[in-house]
Amino acid sequence: MRLFFDREADILYLTLGKNNKAISKEVGNDVLVRVDPKSKKIVGCTVLNFTARFKKRKRPIYLPITGDFKLKKN
């Protein structure tokens, strides 16, 4: 697992495994899950407005990235 924070854009990227092509799907308020288009497995997630989201929080926030995700075939 790798984490990268883009301070200028205020975006946190979490990647599982190698950086491969993926399809992003928004699953919650500014939270995107990246899914491998071939295997349909989750390969990462992106959290927009990361600092703003956690600045005033005193309790943990749980990101909605559990479950199965199915992509529509074109």
PDB file of N, CA and C in Angstrom:
ATOM      1  N   MET A   1       0.858  -1.160   0.000  1.00  0.00           N
ATOM      2  CA  MET A   1       0.000   0.000   0.000  1.00  0.00           C
ATOM      3  C   MET A   1       0.906   1.226   0.000  1.00  0.00           C
ATOM      4  N   ARG A   2       0.542   2.195  -0.821  1.00  0.00           N
ATOM      5  CA  ARG A   2       1.269   3.462  -0.873  1.00  0.00           C
ATOM      6  C   ARG A   2       0.289   4.614  -0.709  1.00  0.00           C
ATOM      7  N   LEU A   3       0.741   5.635  -0.005  1.00  0.00           N
ATOM      8  CA  LEU A   3      -0.048   6.853   0.180  1.00  0.00           C
ATOM      9  C   LEU A   3       0.722   8.012  -0.424  1.00  0.00           C
ATOM     10  N   PHE A   4       0.008   8.913  -1.075  1.00  0.00           N
ATOM     11  CA  PHE A   4       0.607  10.133  -1.595  1.00  0.00           C
ATOM     12  C   PHE A   4      -0.372  11.264  -1.334  1.00  0.00           C
ATOM     13  N   PHE A   5       0.135  12.334  -0.734  1.00  0.00           N
ATOM     14  CA  PHE A   5      -0.710  13.492  -0.467  1.00  0.00           C
ATOM     15  C   PHE A   5      -0.253  14.643  -1.338  1.00  0.00           C
ATOM     16  N   ASP A   6      -1.153  15.153  -2.157  1.00  0.00           N
ATOM     17  CA  ASP A   6      -0.897  16.326  -2.989  1.00  0.00           C
ATOM     18  C   ASP A   6      -1.399  17.536  -2.205  1.00  0.00           C
ATOM     19  N   ARG A   7      -0.464  18.219  -1.561  1.00  0.00           N
ATOM     20  CA  ARG A   7      -0.826  19.326  -0.673  1.00  0.00           C
ATOM     21  C   ARG A   7      -1.510  20.466  -1.434  1.00  0.00           C
ATOM     22  N   GLU A   8      -1.002  20.778  -2.618  1.00  0.00           N
ATOM     23  CA  GLU A   8      -1.563  21.883  -3.399  1.00  0.00           C
ATOM     24  C   GLU A   8      -3.013  21.614  -3.790  1.00  0.00           C
ATOM     25  N   ALA A   9      -3.305  20.399  -4.209  1.00  0.00           N
ATOM     26  CA  ALA A   9      -4.664  20.046  -4.620  1.00  0.00           C
ATOM     27  C   ALA A   9      -5.515  19.543  -3.454  1.00  0.00           C
ATOM     28  N   ASP A  10      -4.884  19.275  -2.288  1.00  0.00           N
ATOM     29  CA  ASP A  10      -5.561  18.746  -1.099  1.00  0.00           C
ATOM     30  C   ASP A  10      -6.239  17.403  -1.399  1.00  0.00           C
ATOM     31  N   ILE A  11      -5.456  16.493  -1.997  1.00  0.00           N
ATOM     32  CA  ILE A  11      -5.974  15.173  -2.368  1.00  0.00           C
ATOM     33  C   ILE A  11      -5.052  14.100  -1.805  1.00  0.00           C
ATOM     34  N   LEU A  12      -5.646  13.085  -1.181  1.00  0.00           N
ATOM     35  CA  LEU A  12      -4.901  11.924  -0.709  1.00  0.00           C
ATOM     36  C   LEU A  12      -5.163  10.767  -1.671  1.00  0.00           C
ATOM     37  N   TYR A  13      -4.083  10.145  -2.119  1.00  0.00           N
ATOM     38  CA  TYR A  13      -4.171   8.977  -2.998  1.00  0.00           C
ATOM     39  C   TYR A  13      -3.669   7.761  -2.237  1.00  0.00           C
ATOM     40  N   LEU A  14      -4.423   6.697  -2.239  1.00  0.00           N
ATOM     41  CA  LEU A  14      -4.018   5.433  -1.643  1.00  0.00           C
ATOM     42  C   LEU A  14      -3.995   4.408  -2.770  1.00  0.00           C
ATOM     43  N   THR A  15      -2.867   3.732  -2.937  1.00  0.00           N
ATOM     44  CA  THR A  15      -2.737   2.752  -4.008  1.00  0.00           C
ATOM     45  C   THR A  15      -2.383   1.397  -3.420  1.00  0.00           C
ATOM     46  N   LEU A  16      -3.076   0.372  -3.864  1.00  0.00           N
ATOM     47  CA  LEU A  16      -2.791  -1.004  -3.470  1.00  0.00           C
ATOM     48  C   LEU A  16      -2.093  -1.685  -4.638  1.00  0.00           C
ATOM     49  N   GLY A  17      -0.877  -2.152  -4.428  1.00  0.00           N
ATOM     50  CA  GLY A  17      -0.143  -2.812  -5.510  1.00  0.00           C
ATOM     51  C   GLY A  17       0.484  -1.801  -6.453  1.00  0.00           C
ATOM     52  N   LYS A  18       0.692  -2.235  -7.689  1.00  0.00           N
ATOM     53  CA  LYS A  18       1.336  -1.393  -8.693  1.00  0.00           C
ATOM     54  C   LYS A  18       0.374  -0.345  -9.227  1.00  0.00           C
ATOM     55  N   ASN A  19       0.958   0.720  -9.787  1.00  0.00           N
ATOM     56  CA  ASN A  19       0.144   1.741 -10.444  1.00  0.00           C
ATOM     57  C   ASN A  19      -0.294   1.222 -11.801  1.00  0.00           C
ATOM     58  N   ASN A  20      -1.510   0.785 -11.910  1.00  0.00           N
ATOM     59  CA  ASN A  20      -2.068   0.305 -13.168  1.00  0.00           C
ATOM     60  C   ASN A  20      -3.251   1.171 -13.562  1.00  0.00           C
ATOM     61  N   LYS A  21      -3.696   1.017 -14.784  1.00  0.00           N
ATOM     62  CA  LYS A  21      -4.893   1.746 -15.209  1.00  0.00           C
ATOM     63  C   LYS A  21      -6.070   1.298 -14.362  1.00  0.00           C
ATOM     64  N   ALA A  22      -6.927   2.259 -14.058  1.00  0.00           N
ATOM     65  CA  ALA A  22      -8.090   1.958 -13.235  1.00  0.00           C
ATOM     66  C   ALA A  22      -9.228   2.895 -13.608  1.00  0.00           C
ATOM     67  N   ILE A  23     -10.404   2.471 -13.232  1.00  0.00           N
ATOM     68  CA  ILE A  23     -11.611   3.268 -13.426  1.00  0.00           C
ATOM     69  C   ILE A  23     -12.030   3.768 -12.049  1.00  0.00           C
ATOM     70  N   SER A  24     -12.303   5.059 -11.938  1.00  0.00           N
ATOM     71  CA  SER A  24     -12.704   5.636 -10.658  1.00  0.00           C
ATOM     72  C   SER A  24     -14.220   5.741 -10.571  1.00  0.00           C
ATOM     73  N   LYS A  25     -14.714   5.479  -9.375  1.00  0.00           N
ATOM     74  CA  LYS A  25     -16.155   5.566  -9.134  1.00  0.00           C
ATOM     75  C   LYS A  25     -16.357   6.261  -7.795  1.00  0.00           C
ATOM     76  N   GLU A  26     -17.159   7.336  -7.785  1.00  0.00           N
ATOM     77  CA  GLU A  26     -17.422   8.042  -6.535  1.00  0.00           C
ATOM     78  C   GLU A  26     -18.357   7.201  -5.673  1.00  0.00           C
ATOM     79  N   VAL A  27     -17.951   6.977  -4.427  1.00  0.00           N
ATOM     80  CA  VAL A  27     -18.739   6.147  -3.521  1.00  0.00           C
ATOM     81  C   VAL A  27     -19.254   6.922  -2.319  1.00  0.00           C
ATOM     82  N   GLY A  28     -18.855   8.161  -2.214  1.00  0.00           N
ATOM     83  CA  GLY A  28     -19.297   8.973  -1.088  1.00  0.00           C
ATOM     84  C   GLY A  28     -18.875  10.404  -1.331  1.00  0.00           C
ATOM     85  N   ASN A  29     -19.047  11.221  -0.338  1.00  0.00           N
ATOM     86  CA  ASN A  29     -18.745  12.632  -0.415  1.00  0.00           C
ATOM     87  C   ASN A  29     -17.249  12.835  -0.670  1.00  0.00           C
ATOM     88  N   ASP A  30     -16.878  13.088  -1.923  1.00  0.00           N
ATOM     89  CA  ASP A  30     -15.491  13.324  -2.329  1.00  0.00           C
ATOM     90  C   ASP A  30     -14.571  12.125  -2.099  1.00  0.00           C
ATOM     91  N   VAL A  31     -15.117  10.934  -2.083  1.00  0.00           N
ATOM     92  CA  VAL A  31     -14.315   9.716  -1.962  1.00  0.00           C
ATOM     93  C   VAL A  31     -14.536   8.883  -3.215  1.00  0.00           C
ATOM     94  N   LEU A  32     -13.419   8.549  -3.879  1.00  0.00           N
ATOM     95  CA  LEU A  32     -13.487   7.741  -5.094  1.00  0.00           C
ATOM     96  C   LEU A  32     -12.738   6.438  -4.881  1.00  0.00           C
ATOM     97  N   VAL A  33     -13.264   5.373  -5.410  1.00  0.00           N
ATOM     98  CA  VAL A  33     -12.598   4.074  -5.382  1.00  0.00           C
ATOM     99  C   VAL A  33     -12.086   3.810  -6.784  1.00  0.00           C
ATOM    100  N   ARG A  34     -10.841   3.331  -6.874  1.00  0.00           N
ATOM    101  CA  ARG A  34     -10.269   2.971  -8.173  1.00  0.00           C
ATOM    102  C   ARG A  34     -10.320   1.463  -8.323  1.00  0.00           C
ATOM    103  N   VAL A  35     -10.871   1.025  -9.460  1.00  0.00           N
ATOM    104  CA  VAL A  35     -11.095  -0.394  -9.714  1.00  0.00           C
ATOM    105  C   VAL A  35     -10.377  -0.794 -11.002  1.00  0.00           C
ATOM    106  N   ASP A  36      -9.679  -1.928 -10.955  1.00  0.00           N
ATOM    107  CA  ASP A  36      -9.030  -2.463 -12.147  1.00  0.00           C
ATOM    108  C   ASP A  36     -10.116  -2.889 -13.134  1.00  0.00           C
ATOM    109  N   PRO A  37     -10.083  -2.385 -14.372  1.00  0.00           N
ATOM    110  CA  PRO A  37     -11.161  -2.695 -15.319  1.00  0.00           C
ATOM    111  C   PRO A  37     -11.213  -4.167 -15.745  1.00  0.00           C
ATOM    112  N   LYS A  38     -10.101  -4.873 -15.644  1.00  0.00           N
ATOM    113  CA  LYS A  38     -10.092  -6.293 -16.036  1.00  0.00           C
ATOM    114  C   LYS A  38     -10.514  -7.202 -14.891  1.00  0.00           C
ATOM    115  N   SER A  39      -9.846  -7.067 -13.744  1.00  0.00           N
ATOM    116  CA  SER A  39     -10.113  -7.978 -12.622  1.00  0.00           C
ATOM    117  C   SER A  39     -11.290  -7.534 -11.763  1.00  0.00           C
ATOM    118  N   LYS A  40     -11.695  -6.265 -11.889  1.00  0.00           N
ATOM    119  CA  LYS A  40     -12.784  -5.667 -11.092  1.00  0.00           C
ATOM    120  C   LYS A  40     -12.425  -5.557  -9.615  1.00  0.00           C
ATOM    121  N   LYS A  41     -11.140  -5.666  -9.282  1.00  0.00           N
ATOM    122  CA  LYS A  41     -10.703  -5.549  -7.894  1.00  0.00           C
ATOM    123  C   LYS A  41     -10.356  -4.098  -7.571  1.00  0.00           C
ATOM    124  N   ILE A  42     -10.552  -3.731  -6.309  1.00  0.00           N
ATOM    125  CA  ILE A  42     -10.201  -2.393  -5.856  1.00  0.00           C
ATOM    126  C   ILE A  42      -8.686  -2.279  -5.820  1.00  0.00           C
ATOM    127  N   VAL A  43      -8.167  -1.234  -6.463  1.00  0.00           N
ATOM    128  CA  VAL A  43      -6.721  -1.018  -6.505  1.00  0.00           C
ATOM    129  C   VAL A  43      -6.322   0.272  -5.796  1.00  0.00           C
ATOM    130  N   GLY A  44      -7.286   0.997  -5.251  1.00  0.00           N
ATOM    131  CA  GLY A  44      -6.952   2.204  -4.519  1.00  0.00           C
ATOM    132  C   GLY A  44      -8.157   3.073  -4.273  1.00  0.00           C
ATOM    133  N   CYS A  45      -7.891   4.201  -3.637  1.00  0.00           N
ATOM    134  CA  CYS A  45      -8.955   5.174  -3.435  1.00  0.00           C
ATOM    135  C   CYS A  45      -8.342   6.571  -3.420  1.00  0.00           C
ATOM    136  N   THR A  46      -9.183   7.548  -3.637  1.00  0.00           N
ATOM    137  CA  THR A  46      -8.792   8.947  -3.680  1.00  0.00           C
ATOM    138  C   THR A  46      -9.738   9.716  -2.769  1.00  0.00           C
ATOM    139  N   VAL A  47      -9.162  10.567  -1.924  1.00  0.00           N
ATOM    140  CA  VAL A  47      -9.983  11.381  -1.026  1.00  0.00           C
ATOM    141  C   VAL A  47      -9.728  12.839  -1.376  1.00  0.00           C
ATOM    142  N   LEU A  48     -10.745  13.498  -1.919  1.00  0.00           N
ATOM    143  CA  LEU A  48     -10.659  14.915  -2.262  1.00  0.00           C
ATOM    144  C   LEU A  48     -10.880  15.763  -1.015  1.00  0.00           C
ATOM    145  N   ASN A  49     -10.343  16.972  -1.023  1.00  0.00           N
ATOM    146  CA  ASN A  49     -10.507  17.894   0.110  1.00  0.00           C
ATOM    147  C   ASN A  49     -10.088  17.248   1.431  1.00  0.00           C
ATOM    148  N   PHE A  50      -8.953  16.558   1.382  1.00  0.00           N
ATOM    149  CA  PHE A  50      -8.507  15.745   2.519  1.00  0.00           C
ATOM    150  C   PHE A  50      -8.315  16.553   3.802  1.00  0.00           C
ATOM    151  N   THR A  51      -7.567  17.643   3.739  1.00  0.00           N
ATOM    152  CA  THR A  51      -7.294  18.409   4.966  1.00  0.00           C
ATOM    153  C   THR A  51      -8.556  19.041   5.522  1.00  0.00           C
ATOM    154  N   ALA A  52      -9.360  19.599   4.648  1.00  0.00           N
ATOM    155  CA  ALA A  52     -10.608  20.214   5.098  1.00  0.00           C
ATOM    156  C   ALA A  52     -11.507  19.189   5.782  1.00  0.00           C
ATOM    157  N   ARG A  53     -11.480  17.974   5.291  1.00  0.00           N
ATOM    158  CA  ARG A  53     -12.316  16.905   5.840  1.00  0.00           C
ATOM    159  C   ARG A  53     -11.904  16.558   7.272  1.00  0.00           C
ATOM    160  N   PHE A  54     -10.615  16.593   7.579  1.00  0.00           N
ATOM    161  CA  PHE A  54     -10.125  16.110   8.872  1.00  0.00           C
ATOM    162  C   PHE A  54      -9.690  17.208   9.832  1.00  0.00           C
ATOM    163  N   LYS A  55      -9.690  18.452   9.421  1.00  0.00           N
ATOM    164  CA  LYS A  55      -9.182  19.553  10.230  1.00  0.00           C
ATOM    165  C   LYS A  55      -9.861  19.673  11.588  1.00  0.00           C
ATOM    166  N   LYS A  56     -11.166  19.677  11.621  1.00  0.00           N
ATOM    167  CA  LYS A  56     -11.910  19.952  12.854  1.00  0.00           C
ATOM    168  C   LYS A  56     -12.424  18.692  13.538  1.00  0.00           C
ATOM    169  N   ARG A  57     -12.080  17.538  13.009  1.00  0.00           N
ATOM    170  CA  ARG A  57     -12.599  16.283  13.565  1.00  0.00           C
ATOM    171  C   ARG A  57     -11.860  15.868  14.824  1.00  0.00           C
ATOM    172  N   LYS A  58     -12.620  15.382  15.798  1.00  0.00           N
ATOM    173  CA  LYS A  58     -12.020  14.824  17.002  1.00  0.00           C
ATOM    174  C   LYS A  58     -12.171  13.307  17.024  1.00  0.00           C
ATOM    175  N   ARG A  59     -13.066  12.800  16.201  1.00  0.00           N
ATOM    176  CA  ARG A  59     -13.283  11.354  16.111  1.00  0.00           C
ATOM    177  C   ARG A  59     -12.868  10.875  14.725  1.00  0.00           C
ATOM    178  N   PRO A  60     -12.561   9.591  14.597  1.00  0.00           N
ATOM    179  CA  PRO A  60     -12.172   9.078  13.272  1.00  0.00           C
ATOM    180  C   PRO A  60     -13.332   9.130  12.287  1.00  0.00           C
ATOM    181  N   ILE A  61     -12.989   9.247  11.028  1.00  0.00           N
ATOM    182  CA  ILE A  61     -13.964   9.184   9.946  1.00  0.00           C
ATOM    183  C   ILE A  61     -13.698   7.899   9.191  1.00  0.00           C
ATOM    184  N   TYR A  62     -14.737   7.149   8.929  1.00  0.00           N
ATOM    185  CA  TYR A  62     -14.594   5.903   8.205  1.00  0.00           C
ATOM    186  C   TYR A  62     -14.976   6.126   6.750  1.00  0.00           C
ATOM    187  N   LEU A  63     -14.089   5.729   5.862  1.00  0.00           N
ATOM    188  CA  LEU A  63     -14.338   5.917   4.439  1.00  0.00           C
ATOM    189  C   LEU A  63     -15.171   4.749   3.914  1.00  0.00           C
ATOM    190  N   PRO A  64     -16.162   5.025   3.061  1.00  0.00           N
ATOM    191  CA  PRO A  64     -17.083   3.981   2.582  1.00  0.00           C
ATOM    192  C   PRO A  64     -16.484   3.178   1.426  1.00  0.00           C
ATOM    193  N   ILE A  65     -15.484   2.335   1.714  1.00  0.00           N
ATOM    194  CA  ILE A  65     -14.871   1.574   0.624  1.00  0.00           C
ATOM    195  C   ILE A  65     -14.971   0.070   0.836  1.00  0.00           C
ATOM    196  N   THR A  66     -15.961  -0.374   1.586  1.00  0.00           N
ATOM    197  CA  THR A  66     -16.154  -1.801   1.759  1.00  0.00           C
ATOM    198  C   THR A  66     -17.230  -2.282   0.792  1.00  0.00           C
ATOM    199  N   GLY A  67     -17.205  -3.548   0.492  1.00  0.00           N
ATOM    200  CA  GLY A  67     -18.241  -4.115  -0.359  1.00  0.00           C
ATOM    201  C   GLY A  67     -17.742  -4.449  -1.748  1.00  0.00           C
ATOM    202  N   ASP A  68     -18.638  -4.914  -2.563  1.00  0.00           N
ATOM    203  CA  ASP A  68     -18.324  -5.286  -3.941  1.00  0.00           C
ATOM    204  C   ASP A  68     -18.734  -4.163  -4.872  1.00  0.00           C
ATOM    205  N   PHE A  69     -17.900  -3.930  -5.869  1.00  0.00           N
ATOM    206  CA  PHE A  69     -18.186  -2.911  -6.849  1.00  0.00           C
ATOM    207  C   PHE A  69     -18.215  -3.573  -8.211  1.00  0.00           C
ATOM    208  N   LYS A  70     -19.281  -3.346  -8.935  1.00  0.00           N
ATOM    209  CA  LYS A  70     -19.394  -3.913 -10.273  1.00  0.00           C
ATOM    210  C   LYS A  70     -19.409  -2.777 -11.277  1.00  0.00           C
ATOM    211  N   LEU A  71     -18.602  -2.921 -12.298  1.00  0.00           N
ATOM    212  CA  LEU A  71     -18.544  -1.908 -13.337  1.00  0.00           C
ATOM    213  C   LEU A  71     -19.403  -2.342 -14.513  1.00  0.00           C
ATOM    214  N   LYS A  72     -20.077  -1.381 -15.092  1.00  0.00           N
ATOM    215  CA  LYS A  72     -20.890  -1.670 -16.281  1.00  0.00           C
ATOM    216  C   LYS A  72     -19.972  -1.861 -17.476  1.00  0.00           C
ATOM    217  N   LYS A  73     -20.261  -2.854 -18.264  1.00  0.00           N
ATOM    218  CA  LYS A  73     -19.506  -3.063 -19.503  1.00  0.00           C
ATOM    219  C   LYS A  73     -20.124  -2.207 -20.583  1.00  0.00           C
ATOM    220  N   ASN A  74     -19.276  -1.570 -21.374  1.00  0.00           N
ATOM    221  CA  ASN A  74     -19.769  -0.708 -22.469  1.00  0.00           C
ATOM    222  C   ASN A  74     -20.086  -1.514 -23.686  1.00  0.00           C
TER     223      ASN A  74
END
